[in-house]
C-alpha atoms as a PDB file:
ATOM      1  CA  UNK A   1     -18.316 -18.361  -7.993  1.00  0.00           C
ATOM      2  CA  UNK A   2     -15.783 -15.652  -8.819  1.00  0.00           C
ATOM      3  CA  UNK A   3     -12.140 -16.297  -9.649  1.00  0.00           C
ATOM      4  CA  UNK A   4     -10.215 -14.489  -6.901  1.00  0.00           C
ATOM      5  CA  UNK A   5      -6.681 -15.438  -7.955  1.00  0.00           C
ATOM      6  CA  UNK A   6      -6.155 -11.953  -9.391  1.00  0.00           C
ATOM      7  CA  UNK A   7      -6.866 -10.371  -5.999  1.00  0.00           C
ATOM      8  CA  UNK A   8      -4.371 -12.685  -4.323  1.00  0.00           C
ATOM      9  CA  UNK A   9      -1.743 -11.818  -6.934  1.00  0.00           C
ATOM     10  CA  UNK A  10      -2.465  -8.095  -6.499  1.00  0.00           C
ATOM     11  CA  UNK A  11      -2.181  -8.407  -2.719  1.00  0.00           C
ATOM     12  CA  UNK A  12       1.153 -10.193  -3.009  1.00  0.00           C
ATOM     13  CA  UNK A  13       2.386  -7.581  -5.489  1.00  0.00           C
ATOM     14  CA  UNK A  14       1.369  -4.686  -3.212  1.00  0.00           C
ATOM     15  CA  UNK A  15       3.055  -6.326  -0.208  1.00  0.00           C
ATOM     16  CA  UNK A  16       6.283  -6.939  -2.131  1.00  0.00           C
ATOM     17  CA  UNK A  17       6.252  -3.458  -3.663  1.00  0.00           C
ATOM     18  CA  UNK A  18       5.747  -1.898  -0.225  1.00  0.00           C
ATOM     19  CA  UNK A  19       8.587  -3.948   1.217  1.00  0.00           C
ATOM     20  CA  UNK A  20      10.857  -2.956  -1.664  1.00  0.00           C
ATOM     21  CA  UNK A  21       9.914   0.703  -1.251  1.00  0.00           C
ATOM     22  CA  UNK A  22      10.619   0.670   2.481  1.00  0.00           C
ATOM     23  CA  UNK A  23      13.930  -1.182   1.984  1.00  0.00           C
ATOM     24  CA  UNK A  24      15.054   1.237  -0.756  1.00  0.00           C
ATOM     25  CA  UNK A  25      14.760   4.354   1.427  1.00  0.00           C
ATOM     26  CA  UNK A  26      18.008   5.618   2.920  1.00  0.00           C
ATOM     27  CA  UNK A  27      18.096   6.242   6.627  1.00  0.00           C
ATOM     28  CA  UNK A  28      18.545   9.890   7.699  1.00  0.00           C
ATOM     29  CA  UNK A  29      21.636  10.786   9.706  1.00  0.00           C
ATOM     30  CA  UNK A  30      19.816  12.256  12.738  1.00  0.00           C
ATOM     31  CA  UNK A  31      18.935   9.718  15.429  1.00  0.00           C
ATOM     32  CA  UNK A  32      15.551  11.317  16.228  1.00  0.00           C
ATOM     33  CA  UNK A  33      14.516  11.438  12.584  1.00  0.00           C
ATOM     34  CA  UNK A  34      15.922   7.951  11.998  1.00  0.00           C
ATOM     35  CA  UNK A  35      13.439   6.530  14.468  1.00  0.00           C
ATOM     36  CA  UNK A  36      10.459   8.132  12.694  1.00  0.00           C
ATOM     37  CA  UNK A  37      11.312   7.792   8.990  1.00  0.00           C
ATOM     38  CA  UNK A  38      10.472   4.092   8.600  1.00  0.00           C
ATOM     39  CA  UNK A  39       6.955   4.364  10.127  1.00  0.00           C
ATOM     40  CA  UNK A  40       6.299   7.492   8.054  1.00  0.00           C
ATOM     41  CA  UNK A  41       7.322   5.754   4.839  1.00  0.00           C
ATOM     42  CA  UNK A  42       5.179   2.720   5.732  1.00  0.00           C
ATOM     43  CA  UNK A  43       2.154   4.907   6.484  1.00  0.00           C
ATOM     44  CA  UNK A  44       2.504   6.877   3.251  1.00  0.00           C
ATOM     45  CA  UNK A  45       3.288   3.914   0.996  1.00  0.00           C
ATOM     46  CA  UNK A  46       0.227   1.908   2.140  1.00  0.00           C
ATOM     47  CA  UNK A  47      -2.424   4.104   0.497  1.00  0.00           C
ATOM     48  CA  UNK A  48      -0.227   4.979  -2.474  1.00  0.00           C
ATOM     49  CA  UNK A  49       0.423   1.365  -3.384  1.00  0.00           C
ATOM     50  CA  UNK A  50      -3.137   0.142  -2.866  1.00  0.00           C
ATOM     51  CA  UNK A  51      -4.715   2.998  -4.836  1.00  0.00           C
ATOM     52  CA  UNK A  52      -2.035   2.613  -7.512  1.00  0.00           C
ATOM     53  CA  UNK A  53      -2.678  -1.103  -7.879  1.00  0.00           C
ATOM     54  CA  UNK A  54      -6.438  -0.454  -7.980  1.00  0.00           C
ATOM     55  CA  UNK A  55      -6.028   2.139 -10.735  1.00  0.00           C
ATOM     56  CA  UNK A  56      -3.777  -0.194 -12.733  1.00  0.00           C
ATOM     57  CA  UNK A  57      -6.301  -3.001 -12.296  1.00  0.00           C
ATOM     58  CA  UNK A  58      -9.230  -0.833 -13.384  1.00  0.00           C
ATOM     59  CA  UNK A  59      -7.618   0.799 -16.387  1.00  0.00           C
ATOM     60  CA  UNK A  60      -5.202  -1.873 -17.638  1.00  0.00           C
ATOM     61  CA  UNK A  61      -6.242  -5.336 -16.478  1.00  0.00           C
ATOM     62  CA  UNK A  62      -9.976  -5.509 -15.805  1.00  0.00           C
ATOM     63  CA  UNK A  63     -12.269  -5.408 -18.821  1.00  0.00           C
ATOM     64  CA  UNK A  64     -15.580  -5.486 -16.995  1.00  0.00           C
ATOM     65  CA  UNK A  65     -15.385  -2.454 -14.696  1.00  0.00           C
ATOM     66  CA  UNK A  66     -18.101   0.131 -15.245  1.00  0.00           C
ATOM     67  CA  UNK A  67     -16.955   3.787 -14.997  1.00  0.00           C
ATOM     68  CA  UNK A  68     -19.455   4.430 -12.170  1.00  0.00           C
ATOM     69  CA  UNK A  69     -17.741   1.760 -10.065  1.00  0.00           C
ATOM     70  CA  UNK A  70     -14.272   3.344 -10.184  1.00  0.00           C
ATOM     71  CA  UNK A  71     -14.662   6.005  -7.466  1.00  0.00           C
ATOM     72  CA  UNK A  72     -16.064   3.646  -4.773  1.00  0.00           C
ATOM     73  CA  UNK A  73     -13.308   1.146  -5.574  1.00  0.00           C
ATOM     74  CA  UNK A  74     -10.596   3.772  -5.202  1.00  0.00           C
ATOM     75  CA  UNK A  75     -12.114   5.069  -1.947  1.00  0.00           C
ATOM     76  CA  UNK A  76     -12.252   1.565  -0.479  1.00  0.00           C
ATOM     77  CA  UNK A  77      -8.692   0.872  -1.683  1.00  0.00           C
ATOM     78  CA  UNK A  78      -7.518   4.087   0.003  1.00  0.00           C
ATOM     79  CA  UNK A  79      -9.185   3.072   3.275  1.00  0.00           C
ATOM     80  CA  UNK A  80      -7.568  -0.366   3.102  1.00  0.00           C
ATOM     81  CA  UNK A  81      -4.236   1.304   2.309  1.00  0.00           C
ATOM     82  CA  UNK A  82      -4.483   3.632   5.309  1.00  0.00           C
ATOM     83  CA  UNK A  83      -5.299   0.696   7.579  1.00  0.00           C
ATOM     84  CA  UNK A  84      -2.455  -1.414   6.167  1.00  0.00           C
ATOM     85  CA  UNK A  85      -0.043   1.530   6.264  1.00  0.00           C
ATOM     86  CA  UNK A  86      -1.069   2.298   9.843  1.00  0.00           C
ATOM     87  CA  UNK A  87      -0.512  -1.302  10.914  1.00  0.00           C
ATOM     88  CA  UNK A  88       2.871  -1.354   9.166  1.00  0.00           C
ATOM     89  CA  UNK A  89       3.844   1.988  10.681  1.00  0.00           C
ATOM     90  CA  UNK A  90       2.862   0.819  14.145  1.00  0.00           C
ATOM     91  CA  UNK A  91       4.850  -2.383  13.707  1.00  0.00           C
ATOM     92  CA  UNK A  92       7.938  -0.471  12.563  1.00  0.00           C
ATOM     93  CA  UNK A  93       7.532   2.037  15.399  1.00  0.00           C
ATOM     94  CA  UNK A  94       7.332  -0.739  18.009  1.00  0.00           C
ATOM     95  CA  UNK A  95      10.367  -2.517  16.552  1.00  0.00           C
ATOM     96  CA  UNK A  96      12.399   0.713  16.440  1.00  0.00           C
ATOM     97  CA  UNK A  97      11.740   1.429  20.137  1.00  0.00           C
END
């Protein structure tokens, strides 16, 4: 059986980093733009944070990753990031309405 505690820690880190990134953004002054900036930041930060954490894991933490496995891992991390960013963006959009 594999030890999956690292994945749980990475997931928690990505969630906290995304929350910190969204909270650190300043709201624009226009009311129309203000309604759209939080979902846009959530949608963009999802893939960036998941791919970034995957790259850090592959090149800094994991010792057993073969170079041929890097591209499929990054592609799957990007897909997960787009899904997570889309869900976060939809949640923020619904709350803002």
